[in-house]
PDB file of N, CA and C in Angstrom:
ATOM      1  N   SER A   1      94.240 121.276  43.491  1.00  0.00           N
ATOM      2  CA  SER A   1      94.336 123.317  42.268  1.00  0.00           C
ATOM      3  C   SER A   1      95.462 122.659  41.244  1.00  0.00           C
ATOM      4  N   PRO A   2      95.222 123.629  40.185  1.00  0.00           N
ATOM      5  CA  PRO A   2      95.559 123.226  39.236  1.00  0.00           C
ATOM      6  C   PRO A   2      97.260 123.108  39.018  1.00  0.00           C
ATOM      7  N   VAL A   3      98.096 122.264  38.467  1.00  0.00           N
ATOM      8  CA  VAL A   3      99.572 122.455  38.623  1.00  0.00           C
ATOM      9  C   VAL A   3     100.074 123.116  37.469  1.00  0.00           C
ATOM     10  N   TYR A   4     100.959 123.975  37.372  1.00  0.00           N
ATOM     11  CA  TYR A   4     101.419 124.880  35.831  1.00  0.00           C
ATOM     12  C   TYR A   4     102.956 124.605  36.170  1.00  0.00           C
ATOM     13  N   LEU A   5     102.997 124.039  34.828  1.00  0.00           N
ATOM     14  CA  LEU A   5     104.504 124.040  34.388  1.00  0.00           C
ATOM     15  C   LEU A   5     105.719 125.225  34.040  1.00  0.00           C
ATOM     16  N   PHE A   6     104.615 126.522  34.238  1.00  0.00           N
ATOM     17  CA  PHE A   6     105.702 127.570  33.912  1.00  0.00           C
ATOM     18  C   PHE A   6     105.699 128.052  34.885  1.00  0.00           C
ATOM     19  N   ASP A   7     106.650 129.388  35.198  1.00  0.00           N
ATOM     20  CA  ASP A   7     106.329 130.411  36.462  1.00  0.00           C
ATOM     21  C   ASP A   7     105.528 131.614  35.602  1.00  0.00           C
ATOM     22  N   GLU A   8     105.119 131.953  37.071  1.00  0.00           N
ATOM     23  CA  GLU A   8     104.276 133.508  36.829  1.00  0.00           C
ATOM     24  C   GLU A   8     104.834 134.387  36.221  1.00  0.00           C
ATOM     25  N   GLY A   9     103.710 134.785  34.925  1.00  0.00           N
ATOM     26  CA  GLY A   9     104.596 135.924  34.273  1.00  0.00           C
ATOM     27  C   GLY A   9     105.295 135.039  32.851  1.00  0.00           C
ATOM     28  N   SER A  10     105.264 133.924  32.675  1.00  0.00           N
ATOM     29  CA  SER A  10     106.081 133.045  31.616  1.00  0.00           C
ATOM     30  C   SER A  10     104.932 133.824  30.498  1.00  0.00           C
ATOM     31  N   THR A  11     105.339 133.703  29.469  1.00  0.00           N
ATOM     32  CA  THR A  11     104.514 133.906  28.098  1.00  0.00           C
ATOM     33  C   THR A  11     104.663 132.308  27.182  1.00  0.00           C
ATOM     34  N   ILE A  12     103.762 131.818  26.783  1.00  0.00           N
ATOM     35  CA  ILE A  12     103.309 130.609  26.166  1.00  0.00           C
ATOM     36  C   ILE A  12     102.475 130.690  24.668  1.00  0.00           C
ATOM     37  N   SER A  13     103.566 130.245  23.859  1.00  0.00           N
ATOM     38  CA  SER A  13     102.370 130.101  22.378  1.00  0.00           C
ATOM     39  C   SER A  13     102.252 128.853  22.226  1.00  0.00           C
ATOM     40  N   TRP A  14     101.119 128.413  21.314  1.00  0.00           N
ATOM     41  CA  TRP A  14     100.897 127.086  21.651  1.00  0.00           C
ATOM     42  C   TRP A  14     100.033 126.569  20.024  1.00  0.00           C
ATOM     43  N   ILE A  15     100.792 126.098  19.244  1.00  0.00           N
ATOM     44  CA  ILE A  15      99.725 125.608  18.179  1.00  0.00           C
ATOM     45  C   ILE A  15      99.665 123.865  18.244  1.00  0.00           C
ATOM     46  N   PRO A  16      98.515 123.457  18.496  1.00  0.00           N
ATOM     47  CA  PRO A  16      98.092 122.353  18.830  1.00  0.00           C
ATOM     48  C   PRO A  16      97.706 121.651  17.752  1.00  0.00           C
ATOM     49  N   CYS A  17      97.413 122.157  16.333  1.00  0.00           N
ATOM     50  CA  CYS A  17      97.528 121.424  15.447  1.00  0.00           C
ATOM     51  C   CYS A  17      98.233 120.135  15.486  1.00  0.00           C
ATOM     52  N   GLY A  18      97.573 119.224  14.233  1.00  0.00           N
ATOM     53  CA  GLY A  18      98.383 117.784  14.378  1.00  0.00           C
ATOM     54  C   GLY A  18      97.371 116.600  14.609  1.00  0.00           C
ATOM     55  N   ARG A  19      98.325 115.755  15.248  1.00  0.00           N
ATOM     56  CA  ARG A  19      97.377 114.296  15.333  1.00  0.00           C
ATOM     57  C   ARG A  19      95.918 114.366  16.005  1.00  0.00           C
ATOM     58  N   LYS A  20      96.219 115.110  16.891  1.00  0.00           N
ATOM     59  CA  LYS A  20      94.996 115.377  17.921  1.00  0.00           C
ATOM     60  C   LYS A  20      93.883 116.416  17.630  1.00  0.00           C
ATOM     61  N   LEU A  21      93.989 117.762  16.570  1.00  0.00           N
ATOM     62  CA  LEU A  21      93.586 118.600  16.055  1.00  0.00           C
ATOM     63  C   LEU A  21      93.428 118.754  14.705  1.00  0.00           C
ATOM     64  N   THR A  22      91.979 118.621  13.933  1.00  0.00           N
ATOM     65  CA  THR A  22      92.179 118.672  12.366  1.00  0.00           C
ATOM     66  C   THR A  22      92.476 120.441  12.460  1.00  0.00           C
ATOM     67  N   CYS A  23      93.291 120.857  11.424  1.00  0.00           N
ATOM     68  CA  CYS A  23      93.514 122.449  11.655  1.00  0.00           C
ATOM     69  C   CYS A  23      93.449 122.894   9.708  1.00  0.00           C
ATOM     70  N   SER A  24      92.812 123.520   9.367  1.00  0.00           N
ATOM     71  CA  SER A  24      92.663 124.096   8.317  1.00  0.00           C
ATOM     72  C   SER A  24      94.267 125.210   8.296  1.00  0.00           C
ATOM     73  N   TYR A  25      95.282 125.138   7.241  1.00  0.00           N
ATOM     74  CA  TYR A  25      96.540 126.590   7.463  1.00  0.00           C
ATOM     75  C   TYR A  25      95.895 127.847   7.415  1.00  0.00           C
ATOM     76  N   PRO A  26      96.363 128.478   8.416  1.00  0.00           N
ATOM     77  CA  PRO A  26      97.096 128.114   9.157  1.00  0.00           C
ATOM     78  C   PRO A  26      97.763 127.803  10.134  1.00  0.00           C
ATOM     79  N   GLY A  27      96.430 127.630  10.643  1.00  0.00           N
ATOM     80  CA  GLY A  27      96.442 126.289  12.122  1.00  0.00           C
ATOM     81  C   GLY A  27      95.368 127.407  13.351  1.00  0.00           C
ATOM     82  N   ILE A  28      95.624 126.550  14.328  1.00  0.00           N
ATOM     83  CA  ILE A  28      94.919 127.731  15.332  1.00  0.00           C
ATOM     84  C   ILE A  28      96.062 128.106  16.299  1.00  0.00           C
ATOM     85  N   LYS A  29      96.055 129.065  16.611  1.00  0.00           N
ATOM     86  CA  LYS A  29      97.540 129.666  17.602  1.00  0.00           C
ATOM     87  C   LYS A  29      96.989 129.969  18.631  1.00  0.00           C
ATOM     88  N   PHE A  30      97.106 129.343  20.323  1.00  0.00           N
ATOM     89  CA  PHE A  30      96.965 130.030  21.601  1.00  0.00           C
ATOM     90  C   PHE A  30      98.056 130.938  21.620  1.00  0.00           C
ATOM     91  N   SER A  31      98.234 131.810  22.507  1.00  0.00           N
ATOM     92  CA  SER A  31      99.004 132.811  23.231  1.00  0.00           C
ATOM     93  C   SER A  31      98.599 133.380  24.585  1.00  0.00           C
ATOM     94  N   TYR A  32      99.666 133.033  25.551  1.00  0.00           N
ATOM     95  CA  TYR A  32      99.059 133.337  26.873  1.00  0.00           C
ATOM     96  C   TYR A  32     100.707 134.106  27.485  1.00  0.00           C
ATOM     97  N   GLY A  33     100.272 135.465  28.312  1.00  0.00           N
ATOM     98  CA  GLY A  33     101.081 136.400  28.902  1.00  0.00           C
ATOM     99  C   GLY A  33     100.802 137.322  29.592  1.00  0.00           C
ATOM    100  N   PRO A  34     101.853 138.013  30.350  1.00  0.00           N
ATOM    101  CA  PRO A  34     100.978 138.897  31.183  1.00  0.00           C
ATOM    102  C   PRO A  34     100.960 140.007  30.255  1.00  0.00           C
ATOM    103  N   ASP A  35     100.486 141.287  31.123  1.00  0.00           N
ATOM    104  CA  ASP A  35      99.782 142.473  30.432  1.00  0.00           C
ATOM    105  C   ASP A  35      99.611 143.140  31.189  1.00  0.00           C
ATOM    106  N   THR A  36      99.440 144.389  30.684  1.00  0.00           N
ATOM    107  CA  THR A  36      99.011 145.909  31.398  1.00  0.00           C
ATOM    108  C   THR A  36      97.304 146.042  31.434  1.00  0.00           C
ATOM    109  N   TYR A  37      96.112 145.753  32.220  1.00  0.00           N
ATOM    110  CA  TYR A  37      94.886 146.614  31.373  1.00  0.00           C
ATOM    111  C   TYR A  37      94.540 147.254  32.464  1.00  0.00           C
ATOM    112  N   PHE A  38      94.279 148.601  31.717  1.00  0.00           N
ATOM    113  CA  PHE A  38      93.683 149.421  33.122  1.00  0.00           C
ATOM    114  C   PHE A  38      94.837 149.927  34.062  1.00  0.00           C
ATOM    115  N   GLY A  39      95.800 149.847  33.931  1.00  0.00           N
ATOM    116  CA  GLY A  39      96.722 150.225  34.947  1.00  0.00           C
ATOM    117  C   GLY A  39      97.068 148.789  36.053  1.00  0.00           C
ATOM    118  N   HIS A  40      96.485 147.685  35.836  1.00  0.00           N
ATOM    119  CA  HIS A  40      96.669 146.672  36.367  1.00  0.00           C
ATOM    120  C   HIS A  40      97.301 145.447  35.714  1.00  0.00           C
ATOM    121  N   GLU A  41      98.301 144.679  36.396  1.00  0.00           N
ATOM    122  CA  GLU A  41      98.577 143.798  36.029  1.00  0.00           C
ATOM    123  C   GLU A  41      97.531 142.030  35.871  1.00  0.00           C
ATOM    124  N   VAL A  42      97.486 142.224  34.187  1.00  0.00           N
ATOM    125  CA  VAL A  42      96.645 140.746  34.362  1.00  0.00           C
ATOM    126  C   VAL A  42      97.370 139.454  33.142  1.00  0.00           C
ATOM    127  N   SER A  43      96.608 138.713  32.906  1.00  0.00           N
ATOM    128  CA  SER A  43      97.249 137.731  32.376  1.00  0.00           C
ATOM    129  C   SER A  43      96.304 137.354  31.143  1.00  0.00           C
ATOM    130  N   VAL A  44      96.618 137.527  29.558  1.00  0.00           N
ATOM    131  CA  VAL A  44      95.538 137.400  28.558  1.00  0.00           C
ATOM    132  C   VAL A  44      95.994 135.908  28.017  1.00  0.00           C
ATOM    133  N   LEU A  45      94.571 135.640  27.812  1.00  0.00           N
ATOM    134  CA  LEU A  45      94.863 134.546  26.649  1.00  0.00           C
ATOM    135  C   LEU A  45      94.131 134.372  25.205  1.00  0.00           C
ATOM    136  N   GLU A  46      94.958 134.176  24.255  1.00  0.00           N
ATOM    137  CA  GLU A  46      94.213 135.088  22.929  1.00  0.00           C
ATOM    138  C   GLU A  46      94.462 133.751  21.982  1.00  0.00           C
ATOM    139  N   MET A  47      93.752 133.568  20.889  1.00  0.00           N
ATOM    140  CA  MET A  47      93.144 132.845  20.082  1.00  0.00           C
ATOM    141  C   MET A  47      93.250 132.881  18.687  1.00  0.00           C
ATOM    142  N   ASP A  48      93.856 132.664  18.065  1.00  0.00           N
ATOM    143  CA  ASP A  48      93.641 133.110  16.454  1.00  0.00           C
ATOM    144  C   ASP A  48      93.183 131.266  15.938  1.00  0.00           C
ATOM    145  N   GLY A  49      93.106 131.614  14.569  1.00  0.00           N
ATOM    146  CA  GLY A  49      92.514 130.426  13.593  1.00  0.00           C
ATOM    147  C   GLY A  49      90.836 130.259  14.450  1.00  0.00           C
ATOM    148  N   GLN A  50      90.350 128.632  13.625  1.00  0.00           N
ATOM    149  CA  GLN A  50      88.936 128.178  13.658  1.00  0.00           C
ATOM    150  C   GLN A  50      89.189 126.432  13.799  1.00  0.00           C
ATOM    151  N   PHE A  51      88.453 126.215  14.443  1.00  0.00           N
ATOM    152  CA  PHE A  51      88.299 124.912  14.704  1.00  0.00           C
ATOM    153  C   PHE A  51      87.777 124.432  13.561  1.00  0.00           C
ATOM    154  N   ASP A  52      88.085 123.152  12.822  1.00  0.00           N
ATOM    155  CA  ASP A  52      87.569 122.341  11.897  1.00  0.00           C
ATOM    156  C   ASP A  52      86.623 121.185  12.330  1.00  0.00           C
ATOM    157  N   ARG A  53      86.720 120.708  13.342  1.00  0.00           N
ATOM    158  CA  ARG A  53      85.497 119.629  14.099  1.00  0.00           C
ATOM    159  C   ARG A  53      85.634 120.118  15.808  1.00  0.00           C
ATOM    160  N   LEU A  54      84.253 120.624  16.057  1.00  0.00           N
ATOM    161  CA  LEU A  54      83.930 121.434  16.827  1.00  0.00           C
ATOM    162  C   LEU A  54      84.376 119.639  18.199  1.00  0.00           C
ATOM    163  N   ASP A  55      83.938 118.858  17.795  1.00  0.00           N
ATOM    164  CA  ASP A  55      83.715 117.803  18.636  1.00  0.00           C
ATOM    165  C   ASP A  55      85.636 117.422  18.652  1.00  0.00           C
ATOM    166  N   GLU A  56      86.502 118.270  17.949  1.00  0.00           N
ATOM    167  CA  GLU A  56      88.037 117.867  18.804  1.00  0.00           C
ATOM    168  C   GLU A  56      88.216 119.170  19.509  1.00  0.00           C
ATOM    169  N   LEU A  57      87.480 119.675  20.124  1.00  0.00           N
ATOM    170  CA  LEU A  57      87.602 121.090  21.073  1.00  0.00           C
ATOM    171  C   LEU A  57      88.122 120.408  22.610  1.00  0.00           C
ATOM    172  N   ILE A  58      87.495 119.093  23.222  1.00  0.00           N
ATOM    173  CA  ILE A  58      87.943 118.512  24.217  1.00  0.00           C
ATOM    174  C   ILE A  58      89.266 118.635  24.203  1.00  0.00           C
ATOM    175  N   TYR A  59      89.758 118.329  23.086  1.00  0.00           N
ATOM    176  CA  TYR A  59      91.403 118.320  23.542  1.00  0.00           C
ATOM    177  C   TYR A  59      92.066 119.746  24.149  1.00  0.00           C
ATOM    178  N   ILE A  60      91.689 120.425  23.642  1.00  0.00           N
ATOM    179  CA  ILE A  60      91.967 122.065  23.984  1.00  0.00           C
ATOM    180  C   ILE A  60      91.334 122.136  25.555  1.00  0.00           C
ATOM    181  N   GLU A  61      90.393 121.818  25.470  1.00  0.00           N
ATOM    182  CA  GLU A  61      89.450 121.825  27.139  1.00  0.00           C
ATOM    183  C   GLU A  61      90.651 121.196  28.625  1.00  0.00           C
ATOM    184  N   SER A  62      91.347 119.834  27.696  1.00  0.00           N
ATOM    185  CA  SER A  62      91.784 119.022  28.545  1.00  0.00           C
ATOM    186  C   SER A  62      93.268 119.885  28.810  1.00  0.00           C
ATOM    187  N   HIS A  63      93.331 121.236  28.176  1.00  0.00           N
ATOM    188  CA  HIS A  63      94.657 121.649  28.255  1.00  0.00           C
ATOM    189  C   HIS A  63      94.935 123.144  29.204  1.00  0.00           C
ATOM    190  N   LEU A  64      93.288 123.387  29.421  1.00  0.00           N
ATOM    191  CA  LEU A  64      93.147 124.550  30.371  1.00  0.00           C
ATOM    192  C   LEU A  64      92.574 124.811  31.493  1.00  0.00           C
ATOM    193  N   SER A  65      92.541 125.025  32.117  1.00  0.00           N
ATOM    194  CA  SER A  65      92.505 125.417  33.542  1.00  0.00           C
ATOM    195  C   SER A  65      92.008 126.317  34.352  1.00  0.00           C
ATOM    196  N   ASN A  66      90.821 125.915  35.287  1.00  0.00           N
ATOM    197  CA  ASN A  66      89.942 126.976  36.240  1.00  0.00           C
ATOM    198  C   ASN A  66      88.912 127.693  35.149  1.00  0.00           C
ATOM    199  N   LEU A  67      88.270 126.731  34.368  1.00  0.00           N
ATOM    200  CA  LEU A  67      87.232 127.004  33.464  1.00  0.00           C
ATOM    201  C   LEU A  67      85.941 127.382  33.928  1.00  0.00           C
ATOM    202  N   SER A  68      85.878 126.677  35.345  1.00  0.00           N
ATOM    203  CA  SER A  68      84.389 127.074  36.516  1.00  0.00           C
ATOM    204  C   SER A  68      83.043 125.830  35.221  1.00  0.00           C
ATOM    205  N   THR A  69      83.639 124.824  34.698  1.00  0.00           N
ATOM    206  CA  THR A  69      82.820 123.627  34.539  1.00  0.00           C
ATOM    207  C   THR A  69      82.563 122.538  35.913  1.00  0.00           C
ATOM    208  N   LYS A  70      81.539 122.144  35.312  1.00  0.00           N
ATOM    209  CA  LYS A  70      80.873 121.087  36.203  1.00  0.00           C
ATOM    210  C   LYS A  70      81.204 119.656  36.004  1.00  0.00           C
ATOM    211  N   PHE A  71      82.135 119.115  34.929  1.00  0.00           N
ATOM    212  CA  PHE A  71      82.129 118.344  34.361  1.00  0.00           C
ATOM    213  C   PHE A  71      82.960 118.266  33.432  1.00  0.00           C
ATOM    214  N   TYR A  72      83.863 117.306  33.202  1.00  0.00           N
ATOM    215  CA  TYR A  72      84.929 117.237  31.694  1.00  0.00           C
ATOM    216  C   TYR A  72      83.903 117.352  30.527  1.00  0.00           C
ATOM    217  N   GLY A  73      84.476 118.286  30.144  1.00  0.00           N
ATOM    218  CA  GLY A  73      83.816 118.134  28.560  1.00  0.00           C
ATOM    219  C   GLY A  73      82.692 119.540  28.484  1.00  0.00           C
ATOM    220  N   GLU A  74      82.786 119.884  29.390  1.00  0.00           N
ATOM    221  CA  GLU A  74      81.658 120.485  29.347  1.00  0.00           C
ATOM    222  C   GLU A  74      81.573 121.930  28.744  1.00  0.00           C
ATOM    223  N   VAL A  75      82.709 122.561  28.439  1.00  0.00           N
ATOM    224  CA  VAL A  75      83.087 123.595  27.605  1.00  0.00           C
ATOM    225  C   VAL A  75      82.504 123.322  25.814  1.00  0.00           C
ATOM    226  N   THR A  76      83.299 121.846  25.911  1.00  0.00           N
ATOM    227  CA  THR A  76      83.109 121.136  24.073  1.00  0.00           C
ATOM    228  C   THR A  76      81.501 120.930  23.890  1.00  0.00           C
ATOM    229  N   GLN A  77      80.897 120.065  25.124  1.00  0.00           N
ATOM    230  CA  GLN A  77      79.256 120.044  25.077  1.00  0.00           C
ATOM    231  C   GLN A  77      78.549 121.336  24.494  1.00  0.00           C
ATOM    232  N   GLN A  78      78.812 122.685  25.521  1.00  0.00           N
ATOM    233  CA  GLN A  78      77.995 123.676  24.797  1.00  0.00           C
ATOM    234  C   GLN A  78      78.688 124.499  23.656  1.00  0.00           C
ATOM    235  N   MET A  79      79.717 124.250  23.289  1.00  0.00           N
ATOM    236  CA  MET A  79      79.948 124.782  21.557  1.00  0.00           C
ATOM    237  C   MET A  79      79.730 123.651  20.454  1.00  0.00           C
ATOM    238  N   LEU A  80      79.132 122.485  20.698  1.00  0.00           N
ATOM    239  CA  LEU A  80      78.679 121.681  20.012  1.00  0.00           C
ATOM    240  C   LEU A  80      77.594 121.957  20.183  1.00  0.00           C
ATOM    241  N   LYS A  81      76.894 121.899  21.077  1.00  0.00           N
ATOM    242  CA  LYS A  81      75.153 122.325  21.127  1.00  0.00           C
ATOM    243  C   LYS A  81      75.132 123.658  20.507  1.00  0.00           C
ATOM    244  N   HIS A  82      75.876 124.636  20.998  1.00  0.00           N
ATOM    245  CA  HIS A  82      75.057 126.119  19.578  1.00  0.00           C
ATOM    246  C   HIS A  82      76.152 126.072  18.673  1.00  0.00           C
ATOM    247  N   ALA A  83      76.242 125.142  18.010  1.00  0.00           N
ATOM    248  CA  ALA A  83      77.542 124.834  16.509  1.00  0.00           C
ATOM    249  C   ALA A  83      76.869 125.956  16.238  1.00  0.00           C
ATOM    250  N   ASP A  84      75.870 126.373  15.311  1.00  0.00           N
ATOM    251  CA  ASP A  84      75.377 127.059  14.608  1.00  0.00           C
ATOM    252  C   ASP A  84      75.380 128.637  14.849  1.00  0.00           C
ATOM    253  N   PHE A  85      75.742 128.746  15.827  1.00  0.00           N
ATOM    254  CA  PHE A  85      76.069 130.262  16.439  1.00  0.00           C
ATOM    255  C   PHE A  85      76.950 130.939  15.696  1.00  0.00           C
ATOM    256  N   PRO A  86      76.777 132.263  15.131  1.00  0.00           N
ATOM    257  CA  PRO A  86      77.893 132.699  14.901  1.00  0.00           C
ATOM    258  C   PRO A  86      79.146 133.126  15.664  1.00  0.00           C
ATOM    259  N   GLY A  87      80.907 132.586  15.131  1.00  0.00           N
ATOM    260  CA  GLY A  87      81.781 132.555  15.963  1.00  0.00           C
ATOM    261  C   GLY A  87      81.615 130.982  16.737  1.00  0.00           C
ATOM    262  N   SER A  88      81.165 130.264  16.596  1.00  0.00           N
ATOM    263  CA  SER A  88      80.808 129.040  17.308  1.00  0.00           C
ATOM    264  C   SER A  88      82.368 128.269  17.087  1.00  0.00           C
ATOM    265  N   ASN A  89      82.705 128.480  15.827  1.00  0.00           N
ATOM    266  CA  ASN A  89      83.967 127.878  15.198  1.00  0.00           C
ATOM    267  C   ASN A  89      85.438 128.049  15.689  1.00  0.00           C
ATOM    268  N   ASN A  90      85.350 129.342  16.422  1.00  0.00           N
ATOM    269  CA  ASN A  90      86.458 130.506  16.583  1.00  0.00           C
ATOM    270  C   ASN A  90      86.704 130.557  17.739  1.00  0.00           C
ATOM    271  N   GLY A  91      87.423 131.683  18.638  1.00  0.00           N
ATOM    272  CA  GLY A  91      87.896 132.163  19.691  1.00  0.00           C
ATOM    273  C   GLY A  91      86.585 132.625  20.220  1.00  0.00           C
ATOM    274  N   THR A  92      85.712 133.530  19.274  1.00  0.00           N
ATOM    275  CA  THR A  92      84.581 134.232  19.708  1.00  0.00           C
ATOM    276  C   THR A  92      84.000 133.313  20.774  1.00  0.00           C
ATOM    277  N   GLY A  93      83.216 131.823  20.139  1.00  0.00           N
ATOM    278  CA  GLY A  93      82.268 131.237  20.675  1.00  0.00           C
ATOM    279  C   GLY A  93      83.034 130.546  21.586  1.00  0.00           C
ATOM    280  N   LEU A  94      84.304 130.035  21.663  1.00  0.00           N
ATOM    281  CA  LEU A  94      84.976 129.357  22.984  1.00  0.00           C
ATOM    282  C   LEU A  94      85.048 130.274  24.285  1.00  0.00           C
ATOM    283  N   PHE A  95      85.690 131.527  24.058  1.00  0.00           N
ATOM    284  CA  PHE A  95      85.803 132.587  25.260  1.00  0.00           C
ATOM    285  C   PHE A  95      84.261 133.290  25.941  1.00  0.00           C
ATOM    286  N   GLN A  96      83.256 133.236  24.519  1.00  0.00           N
ATOM    287  CA  GLN A  96      81.857 133.212  25.400  1.00  0.00           C
ATOM    288  C   GLN A  96      81.323 132.573  25.795  1.00  0.00           C
ATOM    289  N   THR A  97      81.611 131.412  25.603  1.00  0.00           N
ATOM    290  CA  THR A  97      81.543 129.450  26.617  1.00  0.00           C
ATOM    291  C   THR A  97      81.841 130.023  27.789  1.00  0.00           C
ATOM    292  N   ILE A  98      83.472 130.012  27.940  1.00  0.00           N
ATOM    293  CA  ILE A  98      83.896 130.333  29.311  1.00  0.00           C
ATOM    294  C   ILE A  98      83.508 131.083  29.811  1.00  0.00           C
ATOM    295  N   VAL A  99      83.542 132.651  29.402  1.00  0.00           N
ATOM    296  CA  VAL A  99      82.613 133.693  30.228  1.00  0.00           C
ATOM    297  C   VAL A  99      81.203 133.339  30.871  1.00  0.00           C
ATOM    298  N   GLY A 100      80.247 132.737  30.157  1.00  0.00           N
ATOM    299  CA  GLY A 100      79.030 132.413  30.665  1.00  0.00           C
ATOM    300  C   GLY A 100      79.551 131.161  31.573  1.00  0.00           C
ATOM    301  N   LEU A 101      80.175 130.161  31.355  1.00  0.00           N
ATOM    302  CA  LEU A 101      80.551 129.494  32.739  1.00  0.00           C
ATOM    303  C   LEU A 101      81.116 130.324  33.952  1.00  0.00           C
ATOM    304  N   LYS A 102      81.987 131.570  33.947  1.00  0.00           N
ATOM    305  CA  LYS A 102      82.119 131.616  34.671  1.00  0.00           C
ATOM    306  C   LYS A 102      81.067 132.307  35.340  1.00  0.00           C
ATOM    307  N   ILE A 103      80.254 133.200  34.544  1.00  0.00           N
ATOM    308  CA  ILE A 103      79.272 134.158  35.165  1.00  0.00           C
ATOM    309  C   ILE A 103      78.203 133.023  35.968  1.00  0.00           C
ATOM    310  N   ARG A 104      77.946 131.956  35.782  1.00  0.00           N
ATOM    311  CA  ARG A 104      77.107 131.170  36.023  1.00  0.00           C
ATOM    312  C   ARG A 104      77.887 129.981  37.421  1.00  0.00           C
ATOM    313  N   ASP A 105      79.164 130.348  37.463  1.00  0.00           N
ATOM    314  CA  ASP A 105      79.777 129.865  38.711  1.00  0.00           C
ATOM    315  C   ASP A 105      79.629 131.151  40.102  1.00  0.00           C
ATOM    316  N   LEU A 106      79.779 132.418  39.249  1.00  0.00           N
ATOM    317  CA  LEU A 106      79.767 133.603  40.257  1.00  0.00           C
ATOM    318  C   LEU A 106      78.779 133.823  40.447  1.00  0.00           C
ATOM    319  N   TYR A 107      77.323 133.408  39.994  1.00  0.00           N
ATOM    320  CA  TYR A 107      75.910 133.182  40.297  1.00  0.00           C
ATOM    321  C   TYR A 107      75.234 132.960  41.196  1.00  0.00           C
ATOM    322  N   GLU A 108      76.097 131.295  40.975  1.00  0.00           N
ATOM    323  CA  GLU A 108      75.827 130.272  42.405  1.00  0.00           C
ATOM    324  C   GLU A 108      76.379 130.530  43.383  1.00  0.00           C
ATOM    325  N   GLN A 109      77.509 131.279  43.383  1.00  0.00           N
ATOM    326  CA  GLN A 109      77.917 131.840  44.340  1.00  0.00           C
ATOM    327  C   GLN A 109      77.254 132.675  45.759  1.00  0.00           C
ATOM    328  N   ILE A 110      76.925 133.463  44.672  1.00  0.00           N
ATOM    329  CA  ILE A 110      76.260 135.355  45.207  1.00  0.00           C
ATOM    330  C   ILE A 110      74.498 134.218  45.837  1.00  0.00           C
ATOM    331  N   THR A 111      74.064 133.225  45.088  1.00  0.00           N
ATOM    332  CA  THR A 111      72.961 132.603  45.702  1.00  0.00           C
ATOM    333  C   THR A 111      73.195 131.979  47.067  1.00  0.00           C
ATOM    334  N   ALA A 112      74.055 130.865  47.072  1.00  0.00           N
ATOM    335  CA  ALA A 112      74.735 130.254  47.872  1.00  0.00           C
ATOM    336  C   ALA A 112      74.883 130.888  49.464  1.00  0.00           C
ATOM    337  N   SER A 113      75.115 131.932  48.940  1.00  0.00           N
ATOM    338  CA  SER A 113      75.868 133.023  50.644  1.00  0.00           C
ATOM    339  C   SER A 113      74.423 133.322  50.671  1.00  0.00           C
ATOM    340  N   LYS A 114      73.769 133.952  49.785  1.00  0.00           N
ATOM    341  CA  LYS A 114      72.405 134.634  50.261  1.00  0.00           C
ATOM    342  C   LYS A 114      71.343 133.843  51.075  1.00  0.00           C
ATOM    343  N   THR A 115      71.603 132.335  50.211  1.00  0.00           N
ATOM    344  CA  THR A 115      70.844 131.519  51.346  1.00  0.00           C
ATOM    345  C   THR A 115      71.570 131.010  52.455  1.00  0.00           C
ATOM    346  N   ALA A 116      72.503 131.043  52.301  1.00  0.00           N
ATOM    347  CA  ALA A 116      73.333 130.221  53.576  1.00  0.00           C
ATOM    348  C   ALA A 116      73.317 131.369  54.868  1.00  0.00           C
ATOM    349  N   ALA A 117      73.228 133.080  55.090  1.00  0.00           N
ATOM    350  CA  ALA A 117      72.945 133.750  55.958  1.00  0.00           C
ATOM    351  C   ALA A 117      71.837 133.676  56.701  1.00  0.00           C
ATOM    352  N   PRO A 118      70.684 133.375  55.814  1.00  0.00           N
ATOM    353  CA  PRO A 118      69.510 133.592  56.828  1.00  0.00           C
ATOM    354  C   PRO A 118      69.055 132.644  57.669  1.00  0.00           C
ATOM    355  N   LEU A 119      70.554 131.139  57.360  1.00  0.00           N
ATOM    356  CA  LEU A 119      70.178 130.100  58.008  1.00  0.00           C
ATOM    357  C   LEU A 119      71.095 130.105  59.092  1.00  0.00           C
ATOM    358  N   GLN A 120      72.602 131.026  59.296  1.00  0.00           N
ATOM    359  CA  GLN A 120      73.273 130.943  60.268  1.00  0.00           C
ATOM    360  C   GLN A 120      72.375 131.967  60.949  1.00  0.00           C
ATOM    361  N   ALA A 121      71.362 132.752  60.968  1.00  0.00           N
ATOM    362  CA  ALA A 121      70.617 134.194  61.511  1.00  0.00           C
ATOM    363  C   ALA A 121      69.996 133.027  62.337  1.00  0.00           C
ATOM    364  N   THR A 122      69.151 132.140  62.067  1.00  0.00           N
ATOM    365  CA  THR A 122      68.391 131.191  62.855  1.00  0.00           C
ATOM    366  C   THR A 122      69.029 130.473  63.674  1.00  0.00           C
ATOM    367  N   LYS A 123      70.101 130.149  63.352  1.00  0.00           N
ATOM    368  CA  LYS A 123      70.969 129.257  64.748  1.00  0.00           C
ATOM    369  C   LYS A 123      71.495 130.036  65.753  1.00  0.00           C
ATOM    370  N   ALA A 124      71.407 131.493  65.320  1.00  0.00           N
ATOM    371  CA  ALA A 124      72.155 132.205  66.209  1.00  0.00           C
ATOM    372  C   ALA A 124      70.847 132.370  67.392  1.00  0.00           C
TER     373      ALA A 124
END
């Protein structure tokens, strides 16, 4: 399970540009914090700015958790594979990639539970 260095409900602002990430001015900014969406408590992750070098996204990926990846670097690999897509060097592409991995994870959970159900029935 992931280790969190902040209390639930904390707000985080992170500008990771510097030695590990090449950024044009004013850089890339991530914000994370609690919010309300249609009356429900939610956590929101926002990103402003764009990546100058997509291969350096691995640094960002290493700081995010619960991405539904199958291996370290999968988000970066997917972003690089689709580098010519609109929004591929900014938050649009990053969040579309993460949502795609989440959908894949959900699909695999659903199909696994459907295939497990007939096996349970035959054992009874």
